[in-house]
Amino acid sequence: MGKAKTDAAQTALAKKSGAGAKKPKNDAQLLIRINGEERDRFLALCDELDTSAAREVRRFIRTFIRKHQETDDH
């Protein structure tokens, strides 16, 4: 199959699977102060788990928001 056909097939597959859906841009920062030892342990653990500190903090924030939105709705 030619490159153009391959690219078109991949684009079609991505659209079917929902890939390429526009996500809000991460355009804001959050500055926090934490204990240096805790920071170092957190970063080391993230590295061991093959993830990033930013990804885990974002995951925490999203989970926290969902949890508290559910309790606020009731």
PDB file of N, CA and C in Angstrom:
ATOM      1  N   MET A   1       0.861  -1.179   0.000  1.00  0.00           N
ATOM      2  CA  MET A   1       0.000   0.000   0.000  1.00  0.00           C
ATOM      3  C   MET A   1       0.899   1.231   0.000  1.00  0.00           C
ATOM      4  N   GLY A   2       0.543   2.266  -0.742  1.00  0.00           N
ATOM      5  CA  GLY A   2       1.335   3.483  -0.823  1.00  0.00           C
ATOM      6  C   GLY A   2       1.229   4.310   0.447  1.00  0.00           C
ATOM      7  N   LYS A   3       2.160   5.234   0.623  1.00  0.00           N
ATOM      8  CA  LYS A   3       2.187   6.067   1.820  1.00  0.00           C
ATOM      9  C   LYS A   3       0.905   6.876   1.979  1.00  0.00           C
ATOM     10  N   ALA A   4       0.389   7.439   0.916  1.00  0.00           N
ATOM     11  CA  ALA A   4      -0.839   8.237   0.987  1.00  0.00           C
ATOM     12  C   ALA A   4      -2.013   7.388   1.458  1.00  0.00           C
ATOM     13  N   LYS A   5      -2.113   6.160   0.932  1.00  0.00           N
ATOM     14  CA  LYS A   5      -3.199   5.272   1.351  1.00  0.00           C
ATOM     15  C   LYS A   5      -3.027   4.865   2.806  1.00  0.00           C
ATOM     16  N   THR A   6      -1.783   4.602   3.223  1.00  0.00           N
ATOM     17  CA  THR A   6      -1.513   4.230   4.610  1.00  0.00           C
ATOM     18  C   THR A   6      -1.888   5.369   5.545  1.00  0.00           C
ATOM     19  N   ASP A   7      -1.490   6.592   5.201  1.00  0.00           N
ATOM     20  CA  ASP A   7      -1.820   7.758   6.018  1.00  0.00           C
ATOM     21  C   ASP A   7      -3.331   7.951   6.108  1.00  0.00           C
ATOM     22  N   ALA A   8      -4.017   7.788   4.982  1.00  0.00           N
ATOM     23  CA  ALA A   8      -5.467   7.950   4.963  1.00  0.00           C
ATOM     24  C   ALA A   8      -6.135   6.877   5.822  1.00  0.00           C
ATOM     25  N   ALA A   9      -5.639   5.647   5.739  1.00  0.00           N
ATOM     26  CA  ALA A   9      -6.199   4.556   6.535  1.00  0.00           C
ATOM     27  C   ALA A   9      -5.982   4.818   8.020  1.00  0.00           C
ATOM     28  N   GLN A  10      -4.803   5.304   8.392  1.00  0.00           N
ATOM     29  CA  GLN A  10      -4.532   5.596   9.796  1.00  0.00           C
ATOM     30  C   GLN A  10      -5.406   6.741  10.298  1.00  0.00           C
ATOM     31  N   THR A  11      -5.625   7.740   9.465  1.00  0.00           N
ATOM     32  CA  THR A  11      -6.481   8.867   9.837  1.00  0.00           C
ATOM     33  C   THR A  11      -7.915   8.397  10.040  1.00  0.00           C
ATOM     34  N   ALA A  12      -8.408   7.548   9.149  1.00  0.00           N
ATOM     35  CA  ALA A  12      -9.770   7.025   9.271  1.00  0.00           C
ATOM     36  C   ALA A  12      -9.913   6.196  10.535  1.00  0.00           C
ATOM     37  N   LEU A  13      -8.915   5.359  10.827  1.00  0.00           N
ATOM     38  CA  LEU A  13      -8.956   4.535  12.024  1.00  0.00           C
ATOM     39  C   LEU A  13      -8.943   5.405  13.273  1.00  0.00           C
ATOM     40  N   ALA A  14      -8.136   6.442  13.277  1.00  0.00           N
ATOM     41  CA  ALA A  14      -8.063   7.342  14.431  1.00  0.00           C
ATOM     42  C   ALA A  14      -9.405   8.025  14.668  1.00  0.00           C
ATOM     43  N   LYS A  15     -10.077   8.430  13.592  1.00  0.00           N
ATOM     44  CA  LYS A  15     -11.381   9.086  13.734  1.00  0.00           C
ATOM     45  C   LYS A  15     -12.418   8.128  14.289  1.00  0.00           C
ATOM     46  N   LYS A  16     -12.393   6.866  13.844  1.00  0.00           N
ATOM     47  CA  LYS A  16     -13.342   5.873  14.333  1.00  0.00           C
ATOM     48  C   LYS A  16     -13.119   5.576  15.812  1.00  0.00           C
ATOM     49  N   SER A  17     -11.861   5.533  16.240  1.00  0.00           N
ATOM     50  CA  SER A  17     -11.548   5.173  17.616  1.00  0.00           C
ATOM     51  C   SER A  17     -11.639   6.366  18.560  1.00  0.00           C
ATOM     52  N   GLY A  18     -11.940   7.538  18.024  1.00  0.00           N
ATOM     53  CA  GLY A  18     -12.050   8.725  18.859  1.00  0.00           C
ATOM     54  C   GLY A  18     -10.722   9.420  19.082  1.00  0.00           C
ATOM     55  N   ALA A  19      -9.649   8.856  18.562  1.00  0.00           N
ATOM     56  CA  ALA A  19      -8.350   9.498  18.684  1.00  0.00           C
ATOM     57  C   ALA A  19      -8.380  10.777  17.871  1.00  0.00           C
ATOM     58  N   GLY A  20      -7.625  11.729  18.297  1.00  0.00           N
ATOM     59  CA  GLY A  20      -7.580  12.990  17.588  1.00  0.00           C
ATOM     60  C   GLY A  20      -8.655  13.952  18.067  1.00  0.00           C
ATOM     61  N   ALA A  21      -9.514  13.506  18.998  1.00  0.00           N
ATOM     62  CA  ALA A  21     -10.509  14.410  19.559  1.00  0.00           C
ATOM     63  C   ALA A  21      -9.747  15.518  20.283  1.00  0.00           C
ATOM     64  N   LYS A  22     -10.206  16.723  20.125  1.00  0.00           N
ATOM     65  CA  LYS A  22      -9.489  17.840  20.717  1.00  0.00           C
ATOM     66  C   LYS A  22      -9.672  17.860  22.226  1.00  0.00           C
ATOM     67  N   LYS A  23      -8.552  17.903  22.919  1.00  0.00           N
ATOM     68  CA  LYS A  23      -8.541  18.006  24.368  1.00  0.00           C
ATOM     69  C   LYS A  23      -8.234  19.454  24.723  1.00  0.00           C
ATOM     70  N   PRO A  24      -8.706  19.884  25.881  1.00  0.00           N
ATOM     71  CA  PRO A  24      -8.308  21.225  26.310  1.00  0.00           C
ATOM     72  C   PRO A  24      -6.790  21.261  26.507  1.00  0.00           C
ATOM     73  N   LYS A  25      -6.192  22.368  26.133  1.00  0.00           N
ATOM     74  CA  LYS A  25      -4.742  22.493  26.283  1.00  0.00           C
ATOM     75  C   LYS A  25      -4.389  22.694  27.755  1.00  0.00           C
ATOM     76  N   ASN A  26      -3.270  22.113  28.129  1.00  0.00           N
ATOM     77  CA  ASN A  26      -2.739  22.352  29.469  1.00  0.00           C
ATOM     78  C   ASN A  26      -1.978  23.670  29.405  1.00  0.00           C
ATOM     79  N   ASP A  27      -2.674  24.760  29.701  1.00  0.00           N
ATOM     80  CA  ASP A  27      -2.071  26.072  29.525  1.00  0.00           C
ATOM     81  C   ASP A  27      -1.908  26.839  30.836  1.00  0.00           C
ATOM     82  N   ALA A  28      -2.104  26.166  31.968  1.00  0.00           N
ATOM     83  CA  ALA A  28      -1.976  26.836  33.253  1.00  0.00           C
ATOM     84  C   ALA A  28      -0.991  26.065  34.123  1.00  0.00           C
ATOM     85  N   GLN A  29      -0.401  26.762  35.056  1.00  0.00           N
ATOM     86  CA  GLN A  29       0.539  26.139  35.971  1.00  0.00           C
ATOM     87  C   GLN A  29       0.035  26.272  37.391  1.00  0.00           C
ATOM     88  N   LEU A  30       0.469  25.347  38.226  1.00  0.00           N
ATOM     89  CA  LEU A  30       0.143  25.360  39.648  1.00  0.00           C
ATOM     90  C   LEU A  30       1.460  25.231  40.398  1.00  0.00           C
ATOM     91  N   LEU A  31       1.785  26.219  41.169  1.00  0.00           N
ATOM     92  CA  LEU A  31       3.026  26.204  41.931  1.00  0.00           C
ATOM     93  C   LEU A  31       2.695  25.792  43.356  1.00  0.00           C
ATOM     94  N   ILE A  32       3.362  24.748  43.835  1.00  0.00           N
ATOM     95  CA  ILE A  32       3.140  24.304  45.213  1.00  0.00           C
ATOM     96  C   ILE A  32       4.482  24.206  45.934  1.00  0.00           C
ATOM     97  N   ARG A  33       4.436  24.325  47.219  1.00  0.00           N
ATOM     98  CA  ARG A  33       5.628  24.158  48.045  1.00  0.00           C
ATOM     99  C   ARG A  33       5.439  22.874  48.841  1.00  0.00           C
ATOM    100  N   ILE A  34       6.415  21.982  48.720  1.00  0.00           N
ATOM    101  CA  ILE A  34       6.379  20.750  49.489  1.00  0.00           C
ATOM    102  C   ILE A  34       7.758  20.485  50.070  1.00  0.00           C
ATOM    103  N   ASN A  35       7.803  19.582  51.025  1.00  0.00           N
ATOM    104  CA  ASN A  35       9.040  19.181  51.661  1.00  0.00           C
ATOM    105  C   ASN A  35       9.968  18.581  50.602  1.00  0.00           C
ATOM    106  N   GLY A  36      11.213  18.976  50.604  1.00  0.00           N
ATOM    107  CA  GLY A  36      12.180  18.511  49.610  1.00  0.00           C
ATOM    108  C   GLY A  36      12.359  17.005  49.611  1.00  0.00           C
ATOM    109  N   GLU A  37      12.353  16.400  50.791  1.00  0.00           N
ATOM    110  CA  GLU A  37      12.513  14.945  50.874  1.00  0.00           C
ATOM    111  C   GLU A  37      11.303  14.236  50.249  1.00  0.00           C
ATOM    112  N   GLU A  38      10.095  14.749  50.532  1.00  0.00           N
ATOM    113  CA  GLU A  38       8.890  14.156  49.933  1.00  0.00           C
ATOM    114  C   GLU A  38       8.919  14.307  48.414  1.00  0.00           C
ATOM    115  N   ARG A  39       9.345  15.468  47.947  1.00  0.00           N
ATOM    116  CA  ARG A  39       9.450  15.697  46.501  1.00  0.00           C
ATOM    117  C   ARG A  39      10.390  14.689  45.863  1.00  0.00           C
ATOM    118  N   ASP A  40      11.550  14.518  46.455  1.00  0.00           N
ATOM    119  CA  ASP A  40      12.532  13.590  45.908  1.00  0.00           C
ATOM    120  C   ASP A  40      12.003  12.161  45.903  1.00  0.00           C
ATOM    121  N   ARG A  41      11.334  11.758  46.975  1.00  0.00           N
ATOM    122  CA  ARG A  41      10.763  10.408  47.043  1.00  0.00           C
ATOM    123  C   ARG A  41       9.662  10.234  45.999  1.00  0.00           C
ATOM    124  N   PHE A  42       8.834  11.265  45.821  1.00  0.00           N
ATOM    125  CA  PHE A  42       7.759  11.224  44.834  1.00  0.00           C
ATOM    126  C   PHE A  42       8.325  11.093  43.430  1.00  0.00           C
ATOM    127  N   LEU A  43       9.322  11.914  43.109  1.00  0.00           N
ATOM    128  CA  LEU A  43       9.934  11.856  41.778  1.00  0.00           C
ATOM    129  C   LEU A  43      10.595  10.501  41.525  1.00  0.00           C
ATOM    130  N   ALA A  44      11.267   9.961  42.531  1.00  0.00           N
ATOM    131  CA  ALA A  44      11.909   8.655  42.382  1.00  0.00           C
ATOM    132  C   ALA A  44      10.866   7.560  42.152  1.00  0.00           C
ATOM    133  N   LEU A  45       9.765   7.622  42.882  1.00  0.00           N
ATOM    134  CA  LEU A  45       8.709   6.634  42.721  1.00  0.00           C
ATOM    135  C   LEU A  45       8.059   6.752  41.347  1.00  0.00           C
ATOM    136  N   CYS A  46       7.823   7.968  40.900  1.00  0.00           N
ATOM    137  CA  CYS A  46       7.272   8.166  39.553  1.00  0.00           C
ATOM    138  C   CYS A  46       8.200   7.558  38.513  1.00  0.00           C
ATOM    139  N   ASP A  47       9.487   7.764  38.688  1.00  0.00           N
ATOM    140  CA  ASP A  47      10.462   7.210  37.751  1.00  0.00           C
ATOM    141  C   ASP A  47      10.412   5.683  37.776  1.00  0.00           C
ATOM    142  N   GLU A  48      10.347   5.095  38.963  1.00  0.00           N
ATOM    143  CA  GLU A  48      10.258   3.633  39.084  1.00  0.00           C
ATOM    144  C   GLU A  48       9.010   3.090  38.404  1.00  0.00           C
ATOM    145  N   LEU A  49       7.923   3.846  38.477  1.00  0.00           N
ATOM    146  CA  LEU A  49       6.647   3.414  37.909  1.00  0.00           C
ATOM    147  C   LEU A  49       6.481   3.848  36.454  1.00  0.00           C
ATOM    148  N   ASP A  50       7.533   4.424  35.875  1.00  0.00           N
ATOM    149  CA  ASP A  50       7.538   4.867  34.485  1.00  0.00           C
ATOM    150  C   ASP A  50       6.396   5.839  34.187  1.00  0.00           C
ATOM    151  N   THR A  51       6.276   6.826  35.044  1.00  0.00           N
ATOM    152  CA  THR A  51       5.282   7.881  34.856  1.00  0.00           C
ATOM    153  C   THR A  51       5.968   9.196  35.188  1.00  0.00           C
ATOM    154  N   SER A  52       5.241  10.286  35.068  1.00  0.00           N
ATOM    155  CA  SER A  52       5.834  11.582  35.404  1.00  0.00           C
ATOM    156  C   SER A  52       5.082  12.189  36.589  1.00  0.00           C
ATOM    157  N   ALA A  53       5.763  13.060  37.288  1.00  0.00           N
ATOM    158  CA  ALA A  53       5.139  13.741  38.417  1.00  0.00           C
ATOM    159  C   ALA A  53       3.940  14.566  37.936  1.00  0.00           C
ATOM    160  N   ALA A  54       4.095  15.240  36.814  1.00  0.00           N
ATOM    161  CA  ALA A  54       3.004  16.062  36.287  1.00  0.00           C
ATOM    162  C   ALA A  54       1.781  15.215  35.968  1.00  0.00           C
ATOM    163  N   ARG A  55       2.003  14.060  35.352  1.00  0.00           N
ATOM    164  CA  ARG A  55       0.892  13.169  35.008  1.00  0.00           C
ATOM    165  C   ARG A  55       0.155  12.713  36.265  1.00  0.00           C
ATOM    166  N   GLU A  56       0.908  12.373  37.297  1.00  0.00           N
ATOM    167  CA  GLU A  56       0.285  11.888  38.530  1.00  0.00           C
ATOM    168  C   GLU A  56      -0.444  13.000  39.280  1.00  0.00           C
ATOM    169  N   VAL A  57       0.099  14.204  39.246  1.00  0.00           N
ATOM    170  CA  VAL A  57      -0.591  15.328  39.887  1.00  0.00           C
ATOM    171  C   VAL A  57      -1.877  15.651  39.125  1.00  0.00           C
ATOM    172  N   ARG A  58      -1.820  15.636  37.789  1.00  0.00           N
ATOM    173  CA  ARG A  58      -3.034  15.861  36.998  1.00  0.00           C
ATOM    174  C   ARG A  58      -4.076  14.783  37.282  1.00  0.00           C
ATOM    175  N   ARG A  59      -3.614  13.524  37.392  1.00  0.00           N
ATOM    176  CA  ARG A  59      -4.541  12.432  37.694  1.00  0.00           C
ATOM    177  C   ARG A  59      -5.202  12.650  39.061  1.00  0.00           C
ATOM    178  N   PHE A  60      -4.411  13.061  40.048  1.00  0.00           N
ATOM    179  CA  PHE A  60      -4.959  13.333  41.367  1.00  0.00           C
ATOM    180  C   PHE A  60      -6.012  14.437  41.298  1.00  0.00           C
ATOM    181  N   ILE A  61      -5.695  15.522  40.605  1.00  0.00           N
ATOM    182  CA  ILE A  61      -6.616  16.661  40.516  1.00  0.00           C
ATOM    183  C   ILE A  61      -7.924  16.246  39.847  1.00  0.00           C
ATOM    184  N   ARG A  62      -7.842  15.508  38.742  1.00  0.00           N
ATOM    185  CA  ARG A  62      -9.065  15.070  38.048  1.00  0.00           C
ATOM    186  C   ARG A  62      -9.907  14.158  38.925  1.00  0.00           C
ATOM    187  N   THR A  63      -9.259  13.232  39.630  1.00  0.00           N
ATOM    188  CA  THR A  63      -9.980  12.327  40.534  1.00  0.00           C
ATOM    189  C   THR A  63     -10.627  13.115  41.666  1.00  0.00           C
ATOM    190  N   PHE A  64      -9.909  14.050  42.237  1.00  0.00           N
ATOM    191  CA  PHE A  64     -10.403  14.888  43.334  1.00  0.00           C
ATOM    192  C   PHE A  64     -11.633  15.681  42.891  1.00  0.00           C
ATOM    193  N   ILE A  65     -11.557  16.259  41.686  1.00  0.00           N
ATOM    194  CA  ILE A  65     -12.687  17.033  41.160  1.00  0.00           C
ATOM    195  C   ILE A  65     -13.901  16.139  40.963  1.00  0.00           C
ATOM    196  N   ARG A  66     -13.707  14.971  40.335  1.00  0.00           N
ATOM    197  CA  ARG A  66     -14.840  14.047  40.112  1.00  0.00           C
ATOM    198  C   ARG A  66     -15.464  13.619  41.436  1.00  0.00           C
ATOM    199  N   LYS A  67     -14.640  13.283  42.391  1.00  0.00           N
ATOM    200  CA  LYS A  67     -15.138  12.835  43.698  1.00  0.00           C
ATOM    201  C   LYS A  67     -15.985  13.913  44.348  1.00  0.00           C
ATOM    202  N   HIS A  68     -15.532  15.131  44.325  1.00  0.00           N
ATOM    203  CA  HIS A  68     -16.238  16.208  45.007  1.00  0.00           C
ATOM    204  C   HIS A  68     -17.411  16.751  44.192  1.00  0.00           C
ATOM    205  N   GLN A  69     -17.385  16.598  42.889  1.00  0.00           N
ATOM    206  CA  GLN A  69     -18.556  16.970  42.089  1.00  0.00           C
ATOM    207  C   GLN A  69     -19.700  16.007  42.371  1.00  0.00           C
ATOM    208  N   GLU A  70     -19.364  14.707  42.526  1.00  0.00           N
ATOM    209  CA  GLU A  70     -20.392  13.707  42.817  1.00  0.00           C
ATOM    210  C   GLU A  70     -21.048  13.988  44.148  1.00  0.00           C
ATOM    211  N   THR A  71     -20.259  14.367  45.161  1.00  0.00           N
ATOM    212  CA  THR A  71     -20.838  14.627  46.488  1.00  0.00           C
ATOM    213  C   THR A  71     -21.591  15.947  46.508  1.00  0.00           C
ATOM    214  N   ASP A  72     -21.177  16.909  45.667  1.00  0.00           N
ATOM    215  CA  ASP A  72     -21.869  18.188  45.604  1.00  0.00           C
ATOM    216  C   ASP A  72     -23.225  18.062  44.922  1.00  0.00           C
ATOM    217  N   ASP A  73     -23.348  17.083  44.007  1.00  0.00           N
ATOM    218  CA  ASP A  73     -24.606  16.898  43.268  1.00  0.00           C
ATOM    219  C   ASP A  73     -25.698  16.292  44.141  1.00  0.00           C
ATOM    220  N   HIS A  74     -25.343  15.660  45.243  1.00  0.00           N
ATOM    221  CA  HIS A  74     -26.327  14.986  46.079  1.00  0.00           C
ATOM    222  C   HIS A  74     -26.748  15.802  47.248  1.00  0.00           C
TER     223      HIS A  74
END
